[in-house]
Every structure is written in structure tokens, then in C-alpha cells.
């Protein structure tokens, strides 16, 4: 009986660690996404206007192209990191 409660406590602790790592990854991804799309594309655009990229200024490039590319990188990074996290905690798909 005591062995079962110890096993249950270890599982609960493992689940808590898994979700904390998952939420940390989500929060980091959201901060990067907000910084690139809203920060670089809108708020910091006047500061980035002197830097030329592809015939236009860097702020405009982030607003039109860069935020989409960063978003795609974030999606693939999240999937890759979650696969590693799943394997670490033993919840990977078969």
C-alpha cells in the first residue's frame, strides 16, 4: 500500500515537472512572438528604419516578412522541443 502511494507521488511530481517545462516553453515562445511581431514591426519600427534589408527598411521587413518567418521557426522549435520533452518524461507517442 505504501509502495503504491509513493509511486503515485512520483507520478504526480513527474506530471508537474512536465507541465512546468511545457508552460515555460510556451511562455518563451509567446514572448519572442510578441517581441518580433508587435515590438519590431510596430513599436521599434522607427528605430529600425535606417537598416536596409532587401530594398526596404528592417522594421517594414519584420512587419511584412520577418514576423511570419519567426512564427514558422517558433512552431518547428516548439514541436522539436516538445518531442524531446515527451521522451524525457516518457510520454512520447508510438
PDB file of N, CA and C in Angstrom:
ATOM      1  N   UNK A   1       0.820  -1.185   0.000  1.00  0.00           N
ATOM      2  CA  UNK A   1       0.000   0.000   0.000  1.00  0.00           C
ATOM      3  C   UNK A   1       0.870   1.256   0.000  1.00  0.00           C
ATOM      4  N   UNK A   2       1.906   1.265   0.828  1.00  0.00           N
ATOM      5  CA  UNK A   2       2.805   2.413   0.893  1.00  0.00           C
ATOM      6  C   UNK A   2       3.567   2.575  -0.410  1.00  0.00           C
ATOM      7  N   UNK A   3       3.875   1.449  -1.053  1.00  0.00           N
ATOM      8  CA  UNK A   3       4.585   1.491  -2.340  1.00  0.00           C
ATOM      9  C   UNK A   3       3.728   2.156  -3.409  1.00  0.00           C
ATOM     10  N   UNK A   4       2.422   1.914  -3.370  1.00  0.00           N
ATOM     11  CA  UNK A   4       1.504   2.485  -4.343  1.00  0.00           C
ATOM     12  C   UNK A   4       1.391   4.003  -4.143  1.00  0.00           C
ATOM     13  N   UNK A   5       1.354   4.475  -2.903  1.00  0.00           N
ATOM     14  CA  UNK A   5       1.267   5.914  -2.639  1.00  0.00           C
ATOM     15  C   UNK A   5       2.566   6.614  -3.019  1.00  0.00           C
ATOM     16  N   UNK A   6       3.706   5.946  -2.847  1.00  0.00           N
ATOM     17  CA  UNK A   6       4.986   6.510  -3.257  1.00  0.00           C
ATOM     18  C   UNK A   6       5.046   6.626  -4.774  1.00  0.00           C
ATOM     19  N   UNK A   7       4.575   5.596  -5.464  1.00  0.00           N
ATOM     20  CA  UNK A   7       4.547   5.609  -6.927  1.00  0.00           C
ATOM     21  C   UNK A   7       3.619   6.706  -7.431  1.00  0.00           C
ATOM     22  N   UNK A   8       2.479   6.897  -6.776  1.00  0.00           N
ATOM     23  CA  UNK A   8       1.524   7.935  -7.148  1.00  0.00           C
ATOM     24  C   UNK A   8       2.127   9.326  -6.938  1.00  0.00           C
ATOM     25  N   UNK A   9       2.866   9.500  -5.857  1.00  0.00           N
ATOM     26  CA  UNK A   9       3.511  10.784  -5.576  1.00  0.00           C
ATOM     27  C   UNK A   9       4.590  11.085  -6.607  1.00  0.00           C
ATOM     28  N   UNK A  10       5.350  10.060  -7.012  1.00  0.00           N
ATOM     29  CA  UNK A  10       6.377  10.253  -8.038  1.00  0.00           C
ATOM     30  C   UNK A  10       5.741  10.608  -9.374  1.00  0.00           C
ATOM     31  N   UNK A  11       4.631   9.981  -9.714  1.00  0.00           N
ATOM     32  CA  UNK A  11       3.934  10.277 -10.964  1.00  0.00           C
ATOM     33  C   UNK A  11       3.402  11.702 -10.944  1.00  0.00           C
ATOM     34  N   UNK A  12       2.831  12.128  -9.829  1.00  0.00           N
ATOM     35  CA  UNK A  12       2.310  13.490  -9.712  1.00  0.00           C
ATOM     36  C   UNK A  12       3.437  14.509  -9.842  1.00  0.00           C
ATOM     37  N   UNK A  13       4.574  14.230  -9.241  1.00  0.00           N
ATOM     38  CA  UNK A  13       5.732  15.132  -9.330  1.00  0.00           C
ATOM     39  C   UNK A  13       6.260  15.183 -10.760  1.00  0.00           C
ATOM     40  N   UNK A  14       6.282  14.045 -11.439  1.00  0.00           N
ATOM     41  CA  UNK A  14       6.729  13.984 -12.829  1.00  0.00           C
ATOM     42  C   UNK A  14       5.776  14.766 -13.732  1.00  0.00           C
ATOM     43  N   UNK A  15       4.469  14.598 -13.502  1.00  0.00           N
ATOM     44  CA  UNK A  15       3.472  15.339 -14.277  1.00  0.00           C
ATOM     45  C   UNK A  15       3.620  16.841 -14.070  1.00  0.00           C
ATOM     46  N   UNK A  16       3.865  17.243 -12.836  1.00  0.00           N
ATOM     47  CA  UNK A  16       4.031  18.668 -12.519  1.00  0.00           C
ATOM     48  C   UNK A  16       5.268  19.230 -13.224  1.00  0.00           C
ATOM     49  N   UNK A  17       6.363  18.491 -13.208  1.00  0.00           N
ATOM     50  CA  UNK A  17       7.573  18.933 -13.891  1.00  0.00           C
ATOM     51  C   UNK A  17       7.383  19.028 -15.390  1.00  0.00           C
ATOM     52  N   UNK A  18       6.648  18.070 -15.955  1.00  0.00           N
ATOM     53  CA  UNK A  18       6.370  18.073 -17.397  1.00  0.00           C
ATOM     54  C   UNK A  18       5.584  19.313 -17.791  1.00  0.00           C
ATOM     55  N   UNK A  19       4.519  19.609 -17.049  1.00  0.00           N
ATOM     56  CA  UNK A  19       3.696  20.759 -17.388  1.00  0.00           C
ATOM     57  C   UNK A  19       4.405  22.081 -17.113  1.00  0.00           C
ATOM     58  N   UNK A  20       5.243  22.129 -16.102  1.00  0.00           N
ATOM     59  CA  UNK A  20       6.023  23.352 -15.870  1.00  0.00           C
ATOM     60  C   UNK A  20       6.977  23.606 -17.027  1.00  0.00           C
ATOM     61  N   UNK A  21       7.622  22.560 -17.518  1.00  0.00           N
ATOM     62  CA  UNK A  21       8.528  22.703 -18.658  1.00  0.00           C
ATOM     63  C   UNK A  21       7.751  23.091 -19.916  1.00  0.00           C
ATOM     64  N   UNK A  22       6.582  22.496 -20.091  1.00  0.00           N
ATOM     65  CA  UNK A  22       5.740  22.819 -21.244  1.00  0.00           C
ATOM     66  C   UNK A  22       5.299  24.287 -21.196  1.00  0.00           C
ATOM     67  N   UNK A  23       4.816  24.737 -20.050  1.00  0.00           N
ATOM     68  CA  UNK A  23       4.380  26.127 -19.916  1.00  0.00           C
ATOM     69  C   UNK A  23       5.536  27.107 -20.087  1.00  0.00           C
ATOM     70  N   UNK A  24       6.706  26.754 -19.575  1.00  0.00           N
ATOM     71  CA  UNK A  24       7.877  27.617 -19.756  1.00  0.00           C
ATOM     72  C   UNK A  24       8.195  27.778 -21.239  1.00  0.00           C
ATOM     73  N   UNK A  25       8.126  26.693 -21.995  1.00  0.00           N
ATOM     74  CA  UNK A  25       8.372  26.738 -23.433  1.00  0.00           C
ATOM     75  C   UNK A  25       7.321  27.589 -24.140  1.00  0.00           C
ATOM     76  N   UNK A  26       6.076  27.466 -23.733  1.00  0.00           N
ATOM     77  CA  UNK A  26       5.005  28.272 -24.329  1.00  0.00           C
ATOM     78  C   UNK A  26       5.214  29.748 -24.020  1.00  0.00           C
ATOM     79  N   UNK A  27       5.534  30.084 -22.776  1.00  0.00           N
ATOM     80  CA  UNK A  27       5.742  31.489 -22.397  1.00  0.00           C
ATOM     81  C   UNK A  27       6.912  32.106 -23.163  1.00  0.00           C
ATOM     82  N   UNK A  28       7.993  31.382 -23.292  1.00  0.00           N
ATOM     83  CA  UNK A  28       9.153  31.890 -24.028  1.00  0.00           C
ATOM     84  C   UNK A  28       8.787  32.121 -25.491  1.00  0.00           C
ATOM     85  N   UNK A  29       8.066  31.181 -26.073  1.00  0.00           N
ATOM     86  CA  UNK A  29       7.647  31.315 -27.471  1.00  0.00           C
ATOM     87  C   UNK A  29       6.727  32.524 -27.656  1.00  0.00           C
ATOM     88  N   UNK A  30       5.799  32.722 -26.728  1.00  0.00           N
ATOM     89  CA  UNK A  30       4.888  33.866 -26.825  1.00  0.00           C
ATOM     90  C   UNK A  30       5.624  35.193 -26.684  1.00  0.00           C
ATOM     91  N   UNK A  31       6.600  35.252 -25.806  1.00  0.00           N
ATOM     92  CA  UNK A  31       7.370  36.489 -25.642  1.00  0.00           C
ATOM     93  C   UNK A  31       8.156  36.800 -26.919  1.00  0.00           C
ATOM     94  N   UNK A  32       8.786  35.797 -27.501  1.00  0.00           N
ATOM     95  CA  UNK A  32       9.529  36.000 -28.745  1.00  0.00           C
ATOM     96  C   UNK A  32       8.581  36.441 -29.855  1.00  0.00           C
ATOM     97  N   UNK A  33       7.428  35.778 -29.957  1.00  0.00           N
ATOM     98  CA  UNK A  33       6.448  36.115 -30.988  1.00  0.00           C
ATOM     99  C   UNK A  33       5.965  37.557 -30.825  1.00  0.00           C
ATOM    100  N   UNK A  34       5.644  37.972 -29.594  1.00  0.00           N
ATOM    101  CA  UNK A  34       5.167  39.334 -29.354  1.00  0.00           C
ATOM    102  C   UNK A  34       6.259  40.357 -29.629  1.00  0.00           C
ATOM    103  N   UNK A  35       7.477  40.059 -29.231  1.00  0.00           N
ATOM    104  CA  UNK A  35       8.583  40.981 -29.463  1.00  0.00           C
ATOM    105  C   UNK A  35       8.822  41.193 -30.952  1.00  0.00           C
ATOM    106  N   UNK A  36       8.813  40.112 -31.703  1.00  0.00           N
ATOM    107  CA  UNK A  36       9.088  40.223 -33.137  1.00  0.00           C
ATOM    108  C   UNK A  36       7.918  40.868 -33.875  1.00  0.00           C
ATOM    109  N   UNK A  37       6.692  40.391 -33.649  1.00  0.00           N
ATOM    110  CA  UNK A  37       5.568  40.897 -34.429  1.00  0.00           C
ATOM    111  C   UNK A  37       5.135  42.295 -33.988  1.00  0.00           C
ATOM    112  N   UNK A  38       4.908  42.487 -32.720  1.00  0.00           N
ATOM    113  CA  UNK A  38       4.432  43.777 -32.220  1.00  0.00           C
ATOM    114  C   UNK A  38       5.585  44.737 -31.962  1.00  0.00           C
ATOM    115  N   UNK A  39       6.655  44.227 -31.346  1.00  0.00           N
ATOM    116  CA  UNK A  39       7.775  45.097 -30.998  1.00  0.00           C
ATOM    117  C   UNK A  39       8.552  45.590 -32.209  1.00  0.00           C
ATOM    118  N   UNK A  40       9.111  44.658 -32.976  1.00  0.00           N
ATOM    119  CA  UNK A  40       9.931  45.055 -34.128  1.00  0.00           C
ATOM    120  C   UNK A  40       9.088  45.629 -35.271  1.00  0.00           C
ATOM    121  N   UNK A  41       7.899  45.088 -35.484  1.00  0.00           N
ATOM    122  CA  UNK A  41       7.073  45.529 -36.604  1.00  0.00           C
ATOM    123  C   UNK A  41       6.350  46.832 -36.367  1.00  0.00           C
ATOM    124  N   UNK A  42       6.043  47.172 -35.105  1.00  0.00           N
ATOM    125  CA  UNK A  42       5.247  48.367 -34.823  1.00  0.00           C
ATOM    126  C   UNK A  42       5.990  49.347 -33.917  1.00  0.00           C
ATOM    127  N   UNK A  43       6.325  48.906 -32.705  1.00  0.00           N
ATOM    128  CA  UNK A  43       6.894  49.831 -31.720  1.00  0.00           C
ATOM    129  C   UNK A  43       8.309  50.293 -32.057  1.00  0.00           C
ATOM    130  N   UNK A  44       9.144  49.374 -32.494  1.00  0.00           N
ATOM    131  CA  UNK A  44      10.544  49.715 -32.763  1.00  0.00           C
ATOM    132  C   UNK A  44      10.819  50.032 -34.242  1.00  0.00           C
ATOM    133  N   UNK A  45       9.757  50.128 -35.030  1.00  0.00           N
ATOM    134  CA  UNK A  45       9.962  50.369 -36.460  1.00  0.00           C
ATOM    135  C   UNK A  45      10.726  51.670 -36.738  1.00  0.00           C
ATOM    136  N   UNK A  46      10.445  52.776 -36.059  1.00  0.00           N
ATOM    137  CA  UNK A  46      11.230  53.992 -36.330  1.00  0.00           C
ATOM    138  C   UNK A  46      12.732  53.816 -36.048  1.00  0.00           C
ATOM    139  N   UNK A  47      13.067  53.022 -35.040  1.00  0.00           N
ATOM    140  CA  UNK A  47      14.477  52.790 -34.726  1.00  0.00           C
ATOM    141  C   UNK A  47      15.152  51.902 -35.774  1.00  0.00           C
ATOM    142  N   UNK A  48      14.379  51.022 -36.391  1.00  0.00           N
ATOM    143  CA  UNK A  48      14.931  50.086 -37.373  1.00  0.00           C
ATOM    144  C   UNK A  48      14.864  50.610 -38.806  1.00  0.00           C
ATOM    145  N   UNK A  49      14.342  51.820 -39.001  1.00  0.00           N
ATOM    146  CA  UNK A  49      14.135  52.331 -40.362  1.00  0.00           C
ATOM    147  C   UNK A  49      15.431  52.630 -41.103  1.00  0.00           C
ATOM    148  N   UNK A  50      16.521  52.824 -40.395  1.00  0.00           N
ATOM    149  CA  UNK A  50      17.785  53.127 -41.063  1.00  0.00           C
ATOM    150  C   UNK A  50      18.527  51.897 -41.567  1.00  0.00           C
ATOM    151  N   UNK A  51      18.081  50.714 -41.205  1.00  0.00           N
ATOM    152  CA  UNK A  51      18.749  49.480 -41.602  1.00  0.00           C
ATOM    153  C   UNK A  51      18.019  48.902 -42.808  1.00  0.00           C
ATOM    154  N   UNK A  52      18.743  48.769 -43.921  1.00  0.00           N
ATOM    155  CA  UNK A  52      18.118  48.291 -45.158  1.00  0.00           C
ATOM    156  C   UNK A  52      18.238  46.772 -45.284  1.00  0.00           C
ATOM    157  N   UNK A  53      17.109  46.146 -45.639  1.00  0.00           N
ATOM    158  CA  UNK A  53      17.068  44.701 -45.881  1.00  0.00           C
ATOM    159  C   UNK A  53      16.213  44.477 -47.121  1.00  0.00           C
ATOM    160  N   UNK A  54      16.793  43.923 -48.156  1.00  0.00           N
ATOM    161  CA  UNK A  54      16.039  43.602 -49.367  1.00  0.00           C
ATOM    162  C   UNK A  54      15.372  44.798 -50.018  1.00  0.00           C
ATOM    163  N   UNK A  55      15.974  45.951 -49.966  1.00  0.00           N
ATOM    164  CA  UNK A  55      15.426  47.133 -50.605  1.00  0.00           C
ATOM    165  C   UNK A  55      14.438  47.914 -49.755  1.00  0.00           C
ATOM    166  N   UNK A  56      14.200  47.499 -48.523  1.00  0.00           N
ATOM    167  CA  UNK A  56      13.293  48.220 -47.636  1.00  0.00           C
ATOM    168  C   UNK A  56      13.913  48.266 -46.240  1.00  0.00           C
ATOM    169  N   UNK A  57      13.289  49.021 -45.349  1.00  0.00           N
ATOM    170  CA  UNK A  57      13.871  49.111 -44.003  1.00  0.00           C
ATOM    171  C   UNK A  57      13.513  47.879 -43.172  1.00  0.00           C
ATOM    172  N   UNK A  58      14.308  47.639 -42.145  1.00  0.00           N
ATOM    173  CA  UNK A  58      14.177  46.433 -41.335  1.00  0.00           C
ATOM    174  C   UNK A  58      12.841  46.362 -40.585  1.00  0.00           C
ATOM    175  N   UNK A  59      12.336  47.477 -40.118  1.00  0.00           N
ATOM    176  CA  UNK A  59      11.047  47.487 -39.424  1.00  0.00           C
ATOM    177  C   UNK A  59       9.912  47.043 -40.322  1.00  0.00           C
ATOM    178  N   UNK A  60       9.899  47.542 -41.563  1.00  0.00           N
ATOM    179  CA  UNK A  60       8.877  47.125 -42.527  1.00  0.00           C
ATOM    180  C   UNK A  60       9.040  45.654 -42.868  1.00  0.00           C
ATOM    181  N   UNK A  61      10.293  45.203 -43.009  1.00  0.00           N
ATOM    182  CA  UNK A  61      10.541  43.797 -43.326  1.00  0.00           C
ATOM    183  C   UNK A  61      10.000  42.893 -42.220  1.00  0.00           C
ATOM    184  N   UNK A  62      10.242  43.272 -40.950  1.00  0.00           N
ATOM    185  CA  UNK A  62       9.705  42.466 -39.847  1.00  0.00           C
ATOM    186  C   UNK A  62       8.183  42.469 -39.859  1.00  0.00           C
ATOM    187  N   UNK A  63       7.571  43.601 -40.155  1.00  0.00           N
ATOM    188  CA  UNK A  63       6.113  43.670 -40.171  1.00  0.00           C
ATOM    189  C   UNK A  63       5.526  42.814 -41.291  1.00  0.00           C
ATOM    190  N   UNK A  64       6.201  42.734 -42.432  1.00  0.00           N
ATOM    191  CA  UNK A  64       5.652  42.020 -43.576  1.00  0.00           C
ATOM    192  C   UNK A  64       6.146  40.586 -43.720  1.00  0.00           C
ATOM    193  N   UNK A  65       7.423  40.339 -43.475  1.00  0.00           N
ATOM    194  CA  UNK A  65       8.013  39.028 -43.736  1.00  0.00           C
ATOM    195  C   UNK A  65       8.589  38.375 -42.479  1.00  0.00           C
ATOM    196  N   UNK A  66       9.342  39.136 -41.740  1.00  0.00           N
ATOM    197  CA  UNK A  66      10.108  38.588 -40.623  1.00  0.00           C
ATOM    198  C   UNK A  66       9.262  37.951 -39.549  1.00  0.00           C
ATOM    199  N   UNK A  67       8.133  38.576 -39.210  1.00  0.00           N
ATOM    200  CA  UNK A  67       7.294  38.001 -38.153  1.00  0.00           C
ATOM    201  C   UNK A  67       6.713  36.658 -38.583  1.00  0.00           C
ATOM    202  N   UNK A  68       6.388  36.504 -39.850  1.00  0.00           N
ATOM    203  CA  UNK A  68       5.870  35.227 -40.345  1.00  0.00           C
ATOM    204  C   UNK A  68       6.957  34.162 -40.295  1.00  0.00           C
ATOM    205  N   UNK A  69       8.154  34.519 -40.726  1.00  0.00           N
ATOM    206  CA  UNK A  69       9.255  33.552 -40.697  1.00  0.00           C
ATOM    207  C   UNK A  69       9.614  33.152 -39.268  1.00  0.00           C
ATOM    208  N   UNK A  70       9.652  34.111 -38.367  1.00  0.00           N
ATOM    209  CA  UNK A  70       9.947  33.803 -36.969  1.00  0.00           C
ATOM    210  C   UNK A  70       8.841  32.927 -36.391  1.00  0.00           C
ATOM    211  N   UNK A  71       7.579  33.191 -36.751  1.00  0.00           N
ATOM    212  CA  UNK A  71       6.471  32.377 -36.278  1.00  0.00           C
ATOM    213  C   UNK A  71       6.622  30.929 -36.748  1.00  0.00           C
ATOM    214  N   UNK A  72       7.014  30.725 -37.996  1.00  0.00           N
ATOM    215  CA  UNK A  72       7.237  29.366 -38.504  1.00  0.00           C
ATOM    216  C   UNK A  72       8.378  28.676 -37.754  1.00  0.00           C
ATOM    217  N   UNK A  73       9.451  29.404 -37.503  1.00  0.00           N
ATOM    218  CA  UNK A  73      10.576  28.844 -36.737  1.00  0.00           C
ATOM    219  C   UNK A  73      10.119  28.468 -35.330  1.00  0.00           C
ATOM    220  N   UNK A  74       9.283  29.311 -34.713  1.00  0.00           N
ATOM    221  CA  UNK A  74       8.774  29.008 -33.376  1.00  0.00           C
ATOM    222  C   UNK A  74       7.915  27.739 -33.371  1.00  0.00           C
ATOM    223  N   UNK A  75       7.120  27.536 -34.412  1.00  0.00           N
ATOM    224  CA  UNK A  75       6.287  26.332 -34.495  1.00  0.00           C
ATOM    225  C   UNK A  75       7.157  25.085 -34.564  1.00  0.00           C
ATOM    226  N   UNK A  76       8.146  25.089 -35.456  1.00  0.00           N
ATOM    227  CA  UNK A  76       9.013  23.921 -35.583  1.00  0.00           C
ATOM    228  C   UNK A  76       9.862  23.710 -34.330  1.00  0.00           C
ATOM    229  N   UNK A  77      10.328  24.788 -33.717  1.00  0.00           N
ATOM    230  CA  UNK A  77      11.101  24.686 -32.481  1.00  0.00           C
ATOM    231  C   UNK A  77      10.238  24.103 -31.363  1.00  0.00           C
ATOM    232  N   UNK A  78       8.995  24.555 -31.261  1.00  0.00           N
ATOM    233  CA  UNK A  78       8.103  24.035 -30.225  1.00  0.00           C
ATOM    234  C   UNK A  78       7.867  22.542 -30.419  1.00  0.00           C
ATOM    235  N   UNK A  79       7.602  22.118 -31.651  1.00  0.00           N
ATOM    236  CA  UNK A  79       7.360  20.699 -31.922  1.00  0.00           C
ATOM    237  C   UNK A  79       8.600  19.869 -31.594  1.00  0.00           C
ATOM    238  N   UNK A  80       9.766  20.343 -31.989  1.00  0.00           N
ATOM    239  CA  UNK A  80      11.021  19.625 -31.723  1.00  0.00           C
ATOM    240  C   UNK A  80      11.278  19.518 -30.221  1.00  0.00           C
ATOM    241  N   UNK A  81      11.118  20.653 -29.517  1.00  0.00           N
ATOM    242  CA  UNK A  81      11.368  20.662 -28.070  1.00  0.00           C
ATOM    243  C   UNK A  81      10.345  19.811 -27.316  1.00  0.00           C
ATOM    244  N   UNK A  82       9.096  19.822 -27.756  1.00  0.00           N
ATOM    245  CA  UNK A  82       8.080  19.009 -27.090  1.00  0.00           C
ATOM    246  C   UNK A  82       8.337  17.521 -27.317  1.00  0.00           C
ATOM    247  N   UNK A  83       8.833  17.140 -28.491  1.00  0.00           N
ATOM    248  CA  UNK A  83       9.197  15.743 -28.712  1.00  0.00           C
ATOM    249  C   UNK A  83      10.312  15.315 -27.763  1.00  0.00           C
ATOM    250  N   UNK A  84      11.307  16.196 -27.558  1.00  0.00           N
ATOM    251  CA  UNK A  84      12.373  15.893 -26.608  1.00  0.00           C
ATOM    252  C   UNK A  84      11.833  15.816 -25.183  1.00  0.00           C
ATOM    253  N   UNK A  85      10.941  16.733 -24.836  1.00  0.00           N
ATOM    254  CA  UNK A  85      10.351  16.753 -23.503  1.00  0.00           C
ATOM    255  C   UNK A  85       9.486  15.514 -23.277  1.00  0.00           C
ATOM    256  N   UNK A  86       8.729  15.125 -24.286  1.00  0.00           N
ATOM    257  CA  UNK A  86       7.920  13.904 -24.187  1.00  0.00           C
ATOM    258  C   UNK A  86       8.796  12.673 -23.950  1.00  0.00           C
ATOM    259  N   UNK A  87       9.892  12.601 -24.673  1.00  0.00           N
ATOM    260  CA  UNK A  87      10.800  11.460 -24.498  1.00  0.00           C
ATOM    261  C   UNK A  87      11.452  11.479 -23.110  1.00  0.00           C
ATOM    262  N   UNK A  88      11.771  12.662 -22.629  1.00  0.00           N
ATOM    263  CA  UNK A  88      12.396  12.788 -21.302  1.00  0.00           C
ATOM    264  C   UNK A  88      11.463  12.326 -20.192  1.00  0.00           C
ATOM    265  N   UNK A  89      10.168  12.625 -20.330  1.00  0.00           N
ATOM    266  CA  UNK A  89       9.209  12.257 -19.296  1.00  0.00           C
ATOM    267  C   UNK A  89       8.460  10.962 -19.615  1.00  0.00           C
ATOM    268  N   UNK A  90       8.800  10.322 -20.732  1.00  0.00           N
ATOM    269  CA  UNK A  90       8.212   9.029 -21.062  1.00  0.00           C
ATOM    270  C   UNK A  90       6.773   9.075 -21.526  1.00  0.00           C
ATOM    271  N   UNK A  91       6.374  10.156 -22.172  1.00  0.00           N
ATOM    272  CA  UNK A  91       5.005  10.276 -22.668  1.00  0.00           C
ATOM    273  C   UNK A  91       4.970  10.428 -24.182  1.00  0.00           C
ATOM    274  N   UNK A  92       6.015   9.971 -24.860  1.00  0.00           N
ATOM    275  CA  UNK A  92       6.076  10.114 -26.316  1.00  0.00           C
ATOM    276  C   UNK A  92       5.046   9.215 -26.988  1.00  0.00           C
ATOM    277  N   UNK A  93       4.666   9.636 -28.203  1.00  0.00           N
ATOM    278  CA  UNK A  93       3.726   8.846 -28.981  1.00  0.00           C
ATOM    279  C   UNK A  93       4.448   7.679 -29.635  1.00  0.00           C
ATOM    280  N   UNK A  94       3.710   6.639 -29.906  1.00  0.00           N
ATOM    281  CA  UNK A  94       4.327   5.450 -30.504  1.00  0.00           C
ATOM    282  C   UNK A  94       4.193   5.466 -31.988  1.00  0.00           C
TER     283      UNK A  94
END
